[in-house]
Amino acid sequence: MAEFLIWLVAVLGAVGGVVLRRIWGRVEGKRAGKREAERDALEDTIERVQRGRDAVRDGRDAGDPAQRLRRNDGAW
């Protein structure tokens, strides 16, 4: 009877270890996915800010202000 209890405890420990490992792996996967999404969003934000700065710089250096006004007038 004692051997049976030892085997039962060992089997329950193994099953519990497998279940715990699966749960831990899922939590780690979600954490890694969240970090990757945050990094991608930050890179996208940085890229958009840089494109906006470039557009402002190019718009201010586009030549004669009167000519810029004439070009933009048709867009309205």
Protein backbone atom coordinates (compact mmCIF):
# COMPACT_ATOMS: atom_id res chain seq x y z
CA MET A 1 0.00 0.00 0.00
CA ALA A 2 2.85 2.39 0.80
CA GLU A 3 4.39 1.77 -2.64
CA PHE A 4 1.08 2.61 -4.28
CA LEU A 5 0.89 5.92 -2.39
CA ILE A 6 4.48 6.75 -3.38
CA TRP A 7 3.66 6.07 -7.05
CA LEU A 8 0.44 8.07 -6.78
CA VAL A 9 2.28 11.07 -5.32
CA ALA A 10 4.95 10.79 -8.03
CA VAL A 11 2.36 10.65 -10.82
CA LEU A 12 0.41 13.59 -9.37
CA GLY A 13 3.66 15.54 -9.06
CA ALA A 14 4.56 14.85 -12.69
CA VAL A 15 1.11 15.82 -13.93
CA GLY A 16 1.16 18.93 -11.77
CA GLY A 17 4.59 19.85 -13.16
CA VAL A 18 3.37 19.50 -16.75
CA VAL A 19 0.29 21.62 -16.06
CA LEU A 20 2.34 24.26 -14.26
CA ARG A 21 4.85 24.40 -17.13
CA ARG A 22 2.07 24.88 -19.70
CA ILE A 23 0.53 27.69 -17.67
CA TRP A 24 3.93 29.35 -17.15
CA GLY A 25 4.73 29.08 -20.88
CA ARG A 26 1.43 30.70 -21.81
CA VAL A 27 2.03 33.59 -19.39
CA GLU A 28 5.54 34.12 -20.75
CA GLY A 29 4.22 34.04 -24.33
CA LYS A 30 1.63 36.69 -23.58
CA ARG A 31 4.26 38.84 -21.87
CA ALA A 32 6.62 38.55 -24.83
CA GLY A 33 3.82 39.37 -27.26
CA LYS A 34 2.87 42.43 -25.27
CA ARG A 35 6.48 43.68 -25.21
CA GLU A 36 6.79 43.14 -28.96
CA ALA A 37 3.55 45.03 -29.63
CA GLU A 38 4.69 47.92 -27.43
CA ARG A 39 8.06 48.03 -29.22
CA ASP A 40 6.37 47.99 -32.63
CA ALA A 41 4.02 50.80 -31.58
CA LEU A 42 6.93 52.88 -30.32
CA GLU A 43 8.88 52.35 -33.56
CA ASP A 44 5.78 53.32 -35.55
CA THR A 45 5.33 56.47 -33.48
CA ILE A 46 8.96 57.45 -33.95
CA GLU A 47 8.68 56.89 -37.70
CA ARG A 48 5.50 59.00 -37.93
CA VAL A 49 7.06 61.83 -35.93
CA GLN A 50 10.10 61.82 -38.20
CA ARG A 51 7.95 61.86 -41.34
CA GLY A 52 5.98 64.78 -39.88
CA ARG A 53 9.16 66.68 -39.13
CA ASP A 54 10.41 66.02 -42.66
CA ALA A 55 7.11 67.24 -44.12
CA VAL A 56 7.22 70.44 -42.05
CA ARG A 57 10.82 71.03 -43.05
CA ASP A 58 10.06 70.44 -46.74
CA GLY A 59 6.94 72.59 -46.55
CA ARG A 60 8.78 75.54 -45.07
CA ASP A 61 11.57 75.30 -47.61
CA ALA A 62 9.26 74.88 -50.60
CA GLY A 63 10.14 78.24 -52.14
CA ASP A 64 8.17 81.42 -52.56
CA PRO A 65 5.28 81.78 -50.06
CA ALA A 66 3.00 83.25 -52.72
CA GLN A 67 3.63 80.25 -54.98
CA ARG A 68 2.91 77.84 -52.10
CA LEU A 69 -0.37 79.67 -51.48
CA ARG A 70 -1.36 79.33 -55.14
CA ARG A 71 -0.56 75.58 -55.10
CA ASN A 72 -2.52 75.00 -51.89
CA ASP A 73 -5.48 77.12 -53.01
CA GLY A 74 -6.67 74.41 -55.41
CA ALA A 75 -6.67 71.81 -52.61
CA TRP A 76 -9.36 73.72 -50.73
